[in-house]
Amino acid sequence: MLGRRDDAAAYRARAERINRALHAAYFDRAKGLYVNGEQPCLALALLAGVAPESQRAKLRENLDREIRIAQRGHVQAGVLGTYFLLKYLTAAERQDLVFTMAAKRDYPSWGYMLDQGATTIWERWDGDQSQSHTSFLSIGSWSRCRRTRPPRSASPPATRRPSVKAGAQPPRPPA
């Protein structure tokens, strides 16, 4: 864009070195997990491009399993992790997993907050601390709409489309 191809190549090479170093430091090859295998660790490695292409499919499977099975469809992340988790799942077109987490009514969930009488988003899933906080607002941006971009070309500007399809029903709990 700026015509500084040498700088761009140098920064690209530096980013690749950093990604390799992060992968080497935090990836557990035997388990196919980053750090401790929690949802945000897997999502951030995928979102940031730290995970090499050869590991991405396994990481996606592990993240799916972590959400659907290990956490029984619940989000299991803190303030920052929730943001990156939802950002990755939206980019990966996994609205089904986000909807599953968003539709939960038991702890920890946004539905739990509502069922406890909350009229605002809490700072923590358990309601301890602030009862009016921006901590977990990232779900609001997902539920309203997500940005879609046309293929690279001289296309019209990006459009917005709803993340939740009309008539969507909450997923049924596992048997």
C-alpha atoms as a PDB file:
ATOM      1  CA  MET A   1       0.000   0.000   0.000  1.00  0.00           C
ATOM      2  CA  LEU A   2       2.799   2.417   0.873  1.00  0.00           C
ATOM      3  CA  GLY A   3       5.209   0.918  -1.606  1.00  0.00           C
ATOM      4  CA  ARG A   4       7.639  -0.125   1.132  1.00  0.00           C
ATOM      5  CA  ARG A   5       7.993  -3.747   0.088  1.00  0.00           C
ATOM      6  CA  ASP A   6      11.278  -4.298   1.919  1.00  0.00           C
ATOM      7  CA  ASP A   7       9.754  -3.113   5.195  1.00  0.00           C
ATOM      8  CA  ALA A   8       6.664  -5.245   4.617  1.00  0.00           C
ATOM      9  CA  ALA A   9       8.801  -8.330   3.956  1.00  0.00           C
ATOM     10  CA  ALA A  10      10.904  -7.684   7.072  1.00  0.00           C
ATOM     11  CA  TYR A  11       7.832  -7.285   9.289  1.00  0.00           C
ATOM     12  CA  ARG A  12       6.200 -10.366   7.763  1.00  0.00           C
ATOM     13  CA  ALA A  13       9.342 -12.399   8.497  1.00  0.00           C
ATOM     14  CA  ARG A  14       9.451 -11.013  12.042  1.00  0.00           C
ATOM     15  CA  ALA A  15       5.788 -11.948  12.608  1.00  0.00           C
ATOM     16  CA  GLU A  16       6.474 -15.471  11.360  1.00  0.00           C
ATOM     17  CA  ARG A  17       9.436 -15.800  13.761  1.00  0.00           C
ATOM     18  CA  ILE A  18       7.286 -14.599  16.654  1.00  0.00           C
ATOM     19  CA  ASN A  19       4.507 -17.037  15.730  1.00  0.00           C
ATOM     20  CA  ARG A  20       6.985 -19.915  15.608  1.00  0.00           C
ATOM     21  CA  ALA A  21       8.421 -18.906  19.005  1.00  0.00           C
ATOM     22  CA  LEU A  22       4.950 -18.660  20.568  1.00  0.00           C
ATOM     23  CA  HIS A  23       3.982 -22.008  19.097  1.00  0.00           C
ATOM     24  CA  ALA A  24       7.158 -23.653  20.410  1.00  0.00           C
ATOM     25  CA  ALA A  25       6.705 -22.158  23.878  1.00  0.00           C
ATOM     26  CA  TYR A  26       2.990 -22.785  24.416  1.00  0.00           C
ATOM     27  CA  PHE A  27       1.891 -25.708  22.239  1.00  0.00           C
ATOM     28  CA  ASP A  28       1.557 -29.158  23.810  1.00  0.00           C
ATOM     29  CA  ARG A  29       2.119 -31.426  20.818  1.00  0.00           C
ATOM     30  CA  ALA A  30       1.003 -34.596  22.634  1.00  0.00           C
ATOM     31  CA  LYS A  31      -2.386 -33.113  23.532  1.00  0.00           C
ATOM     32  CA  GLY A  32      -2.772 -30.769  20.557  1.00  0.00           C
ATOM     33  CA  LEU A  33      -3.470 -27.829  22.881  1.00  0.00           C
ATOM     34  CA  TYR A  34      -2.113 -24.384  23.660  1.00  0.00           C
ATOM     35  CA  VAL A  35      -1.266 -23.545  27.256  1.00  0.00           C
ATOM     36  CA  ASN A  36      -3.916 -25.393  29.312  1.00  0.00           C
ATOM     37  CA  GLY A  37      -6.396 -26.060  26.490  1.00  0.00           C
ATOM     38  CA  GLU A  38      -9.011 -23.590  27.694  1.00  0.00           C
ATOM     39  CA  GLN A  39     -11.334 -22.012  25.144  1.00  0.00           C
ATOM     40  CA  PRO A  40      -9.577 -18.632  24.853  1.00  0.00           C
ATOM     41  CA  CYS A  41      -6.120 -20.205  24.509  1.00  0.00           C
ATOM     42  CA  LEU A  42      -7.235 -22.312  21.556  1.00  0.00           C
ATOM     43  CA  ALA A  43      -9.269 -19.518  19.960  1.00  0.00           C
ATOM     44  CA  LEU A  44      -6.508 -16.921  20.252  1.00  0.00           C
ATOM     45  CA  ALA A  45      -3.897 -19.235  18.722  1.00  0.00           C
ATOM     46  CA  LEU A  46      -6.230 -19.783  15.756  1.00  0.00           C
ATOM     47  CA  LEU A  47      -7.309 -16.156  15.472  1.00  0.00           C
ATOM     48  CA  ALA A  48      -3.794 -14.709  15.658  1.00  0.00           C
ATOM     49  CA  GLY A  49      -2.339 -17.221  13.220  1.00  0.00           C
ATOM     50  CA  VAL A  50       0.083 -18.668  15.770  1.00  0.00           C
ATOM     51  CA  ALA A  51      -1.023 -22.211  15.009  1.00  0.00           C
ATOM     52  CA  PRO A  52       0.668 -23.682  11.944  1.00  0.00           C
ATOM     53  CA  GLU A  53      -1.633 -24.866   9.185  1.00  0.00           C
ATOM     54  CA  SER A  54      -0.773 -28.500  10.008  1.00  0.00           C
ATOM     55  CA  GLN A  55      -2.274 -28.087  13.511  1.00  0.00           C
ATOM     56  CA  ARG A  56      -5.302 -25.904  12.777  1.00  0.00           C
ATOM     57  CA  ALA A  57      -7.839 -28.665  12.064  1.00  0.00           C
ATOM     58  CA  LYS A  58      -6.964 -30.492  15.300  1.00  0.00           C
ATOM     59  CA  LEU A  59      -7.179 -27.228  17.263  1.00  0.00           C
ATOM     60  CA  ARG A  60     -10.601 -26.487  15.775  1.00  0.00           C
ATOM     61  CA  GLU A  61     -11.765 -29.972  16.810  1.00  0.00           C
ATOM     62  CA  ASN A  62     -10.361 -29.479  20.310  1.00  0.00           C
ATOM     63  CA  LEU A  63     -12.064 -26.093  20.681  1.00  0.00           C
ATOM     64  CA  ASP A  64     -15.373 -27.554  19.511  1.00  0.00           C
ATOM     65  CA  ARG A  65     -15.000 -30.431  22.001  1.00  0.00           C
ATOM     66  CA  GLU A  66     -14.002 -28.047  24.800  1.00  0.00           C
ATOM     67  CA  ILE A  67     -17.128 -25.939  24.271  1.00  0.00           C
ATOM     68  CA  ARG A  68     -19.706 -28.624  23.492  1.00  0.00           C
ATOM     69  CA  ILE A  69     -18.535 -31.497  25.696  1.00  0.00           C
ATOM     70  CA  ALA A  70     -16.077 -30.415  28.400  1.00  0.00           C
ATOM     71  CA  GLN A  71     -17.977 -27.230  29.283  1.00  0.00           C
ATOM     72  CA  ARG A  72     -21.414 -28.554  28.227  1.00  0.00           C
ATOM     73  CA  GLY A  73     -21.954 -25.604  25.900  1.00  0.00           C
ATOM     74  CA  HIS A  74     -20.897 -22.916  28.363  1.00  0.00           C
ATOM     75  CA  VAL A  75     -18.439 -20.126  27.788  1.00  0.00           C
ATOM     76  CA  GLN A  76     -15.495 -20.725  30.097  1.00  0.00           C
ATOM     77  CA  ALA A  77     -13.459 -17.562  29.768  1.00  0.00           C
ATOM     78  CA  GLY A  78     -12.816 -14.274  31.462  1.00  0.00           C
ATOM     79  CA  VAL A  79     -13.293 -10.754  30.198  1.00  0.00           C
ATOM     80  CA  LEU A  80     -10.589 -10.688  27.522  1.00  0.00           C
ATOM     81  CA  GLY A  81     -10.789 -14.362  26.643  1.00  0.00           C
ATOM     82  CA  THR A  82     -14.521 -14.094  25.928  1.00  0.00           C
ATOM     83  CA  TYR A  83     -13.905 -11.281  23.455  1.00  0.00           C
ATOM     84  CA  PHE A  84     -11.274 -13.259  21.511  1.00  0.00           C
ATOM     85  CA  LEU A  85     -13.274 -16.480  21.707  1.00  0.00           C
ATOM     86  CA  LEU A  86     -16.336 -14.844  20.155  1.00  0.00           C
ATOM     87  CA  LYS A  87     -14.217 -12.994  17.617  1.00  0.00           C
ATOM     88  CA  TYR A  88     -12.601 -16.251  16.447  1.00  0.00           C
ATOM     89  CA  LEU A  89     -15.845 -18.243  16.387  1.00  0.00           C
ATOM     90  CA  THR A  90     -17.553 -15.522  14.356  1.00  0.00           C
ATOM     91  CA  ALA A  91     -14.645 -15.324  11.897  1.00  0.00           C
ATOM     92  CA  ALA A  92     -14.690 -19.125  11.605  1.00  0.00           C
ATOM     93  CA  GLU A  93     -18.450 -19.098  10.865  1.00  0.00           C
ATOM     94  CA  ARG A  94     -19.177 -21.109  14.029  1.00  0.00           C
ATOM     95  CA  GLN A  95     -22.323 -19.213  14.943  1.00  0.00           C
ATOM     96  CA  ASP A  96     -23.725 -22.518  16.185  1.00  0.00           C
ATOM     97  CA  LEU A  97     -21.209 -22.617  19.026  1.00  0.00           C
ATOM     98  CA  VAL A  98     -21.720 -18.970  19.948  1.00  0.00           C
ATOM     99  CA  PHE A  99     -25.500 -19.450  19.915  1.00  0.00           C
ATOM    100  CA  THR A 100     -25.140 -22.536  22.120  1.00  0.00           C
ATOM    101  CA  MET A 101     -23.173 -20.515  24.690  1.00  0.00           C
ATOM    102  CA  ALA A 102     -25.455 -17.474  24.418  1.00  0.00           C
ATOM    103  CA  ALA A 103     -28.606 -19.561  24.951  1.00  0.00           C
ATOM    104  CA  LYS A 104     -27.456 -21.137  28.231  1.00  0.00           C
ATOM    105  CA  ARG A 105     -29.438 -20.273  31.358  1.00  0.00           C
ATOM    106  CA  ASP A 106     -27.310 -21.944  34.037  1.00  0.00           C
ATOM    107  CA  TYR A 107     -23.986 -20.802  35.490  1.00  0.00           C
ATOM    108  CA  PRO A 108     -21.781 -19.503  33.902  1.00  0.00           C
ATOM    109  CA  SER A 109     -23.798 -17.666  31.266  1.00  0.00           C
ATOM    110  CA  TRP A 110     -25.480 -14.456  30.253  1.00  0.00           C
ATOM    111  CA  GLY A 111     -28.820 -16.227  30.788  1.00  0.00           C
ATOM    112  CA  TYR A 112     -27.792 -16.976  34.367  1.00  0.00           C
ATOM    113  CA  MET A 113     -27.269 -13.252  34.907  1.00  0.00           C
ATOM    114  CA  LEU A 114     -30.769 -12.559  33.573  1.00  0.00           C
ATOM    115  CA  ASP A 115     -32.336 -15.300  35.687  1.00  0.00           C
ATOM    116  CA  GLN A 116     -30.706 -13.780  38.776  1.00  0.00           C
ATOM    117  CA  GLY A 117     -32.485 -10.498  38.028  1.00  0.00           C
ATOM    118  CA  ALA A 118     -29.652  -8.703  36.274  1.00  0.00           C
ATOM    119  CA  THR A 119     -30.574  -5.765  34.096  1.00  0.00           C
ATOM    120  CA  THR A 120     -26.955  -5.078  33.188  1.00  0.00           C
ATOM    121  CA  ILE A 121     -23.892  -7.170  32.364  1.00  0.00           C
ATOM    122  CA  TRP A 122     -21.906  -8.187  35.444  1.00  0.00           C
ATOM    123  CA  GLU A 123     -18.158  -7.923  35.891  1.00  0.00           C
ATOM    124  CA  ARG A 124     -17.868 -11.604  36.761  1.00  0.00           C
ATOM    125  CA  TRP A 125     -20.001 -14.621  35.874  1.00  0.00           C
ATOM    126  CA  ASP A 126     -20.906 -15.179  39.550  1.00  0.00           C
ATOM    127  CA  GLY A 127     -22.162 -11.627  40.109  1.00  0.00           C
ATOM    128  CA  ASP A 128     -19.422 -10.825  42.602  1.00  0.00           C
ATOM    129  CA  GLN A 129     -17.985  -7.332  42.105  1.00  0.00           C
ATOM    130  CA  SER A 130     -19.624  -4.773  39.812  1.00  0.00           C
ATOM    131  CA  GLN A 131     -23.199  -5.402  38.687  1.00  0.00           C
ATOM    132  CA  SER A 132     -22.932  -2.911  35.829  1.00  0.00           C
ATOM    133  CA  HIS A 133     -19.829  -3.532  33.815  1.00  0.00           C
ATOM    134  CA  THR A 134     -18.560  -3.780  30.265  1.00  0.00           C
ATOM    135  CA  SER A 135     -16.817  -7.105  30.927  1.00  0.00           C
ATOM    136  CA  PHE A 136     -18.817  -9.461  28.789  1.00  0.00           C
ATOM    137  CA  LEU A 137     -20.456  -7.058  26.335  1.00  0.00           C
ATOM    138  CA  SER A 138     -18.814  -8.787  23.376  1.00  0.00           C
ATOM    139  CA  ILE A 139     -21.882 -11.011  23.112  1.00  0.00           C
ATOM    140  CA  GLY A 140     -23.959  -7.950  22.250  1.00  0.00           C
ATOM    141  CA  SER A 141     -21.912  -7.144  19.191  1.00  0.00           C
ATOM    142  CA  TRP A 142     -22.174 -10.761  18.034  1.00  0.00           C
ATOM    143  CA  SER A 143     -25.930 -10.983  18.535  1.00  0.00           C
ATOM    144  CA  ARG A 144     -26.760  -7.778  16.664  1.00  0.00           C
ATOM    145  CA  CYS A 145     -24.724  -8.354  13.559  1.00  0.00           C
ATOM    146  CA  ARG A 146     -21.375  -9.315  12.218  1.00  0.00           C
ATOM    147  CA  ARG A 147     -19.409  -7.664   9.497  1.00  0.00           C
ATOM    148  CA  THR A 148     -18.929  -9.465   6.232  1.00  0.00           C
ATOM    149  CA  ARG A 149     -16.467  -8.405   3.598  1.00  0.00           C
ATOM    150  CA  PRO A 150     -16.716  -9.112  -0.083  1.00  0.00           C
ATOM    151  CA  PRO A 151     -13.789 -10.829  -1.815  1.00  0.00           C
ATOM    152  CA  ARG A 152     -10.767  -8.645  -2.456  1.00  0.00           C
ATOM    153  CA  SER A 153     -11.575  -6.534  -5.461  1.00  0.00           C
ATOM    154  CA  ALA A 154     -13.078  -3.211  -6.328  1.00  0.00           C
ATOM    155  CA  SER A 155     -16.307  -4.400  -4.705  1.00  0.00           C
ATOM    156  CA  PRO A 156     -18.851  -2.328  -2.843  1.00  0.00           C
ATOM    157  CA  PRO A 157     -18.168  -1.685   0.856  1.00  0.00           C
ATOM    158  CA  ALA A 158     -18.682  -4.372   3.458  1.00  0.00           C
ATOM    159  CA  THR A 159     -22.227  -5.300   4.402  1.00  0.00           C
ATOM    160  CA  ARG A 160     -23.765  -6.344   7.669  1.00  0.00           C
ATOM    161  CA  ARG A 161     -25.862  -9.417   8.186  1.00  0.00           C
ATOM    162  CA  PRO A 162     -27.404 -10.876  11.340  1.00  0.00           C
ATOM    163  CA  SER A 163     -25.420 -13.502  13.195  1.00  0.00           C
ATOM    164  CA  VAL A 164     -28.565 -15.218  14.400  1.00  0.00           C
ATOM    165  CA  LYS A 165     -30.717 -16.567  11.625  1.00  0.00           C
ATOM    166  CA  ALA A 166     -34.454 -15.847  11.662  1.00  0.00           C
ATOM    167  CA  GLY A 167     -36.364 -18.563  13.476  1.00  0.00           C
ATOM    168  CA  ALA A 168     -33.262 -19.910  15.233  1.00  0.00           C
ATOM    169  CA  GLN A 169     -34.068 -22.027  18.261  1.00  0.00           C
ATOM    170  CA  PRO A 170     -31.831 -22.660  21.248  1.00  0.00           C
ATOM    171  CA  PRO A 171     -29.981 -25.958  20.967  1.00  0.00           C
ATOM    172  CA  ARG A 172     -31.369 -28.906  22.884  1.00  0.00           C
ATOM    173  CA  PRO A 173     -29.359 -30.027  25.902  1.00  0.00           C
ATOM    174  CA  PRO A 174     -27.362 -33.218  25.381  1.00  0.00           C
ATOM    175  CA  ALA A 175     -29.164 -36.388  26.418  1.00  0.00           C
END
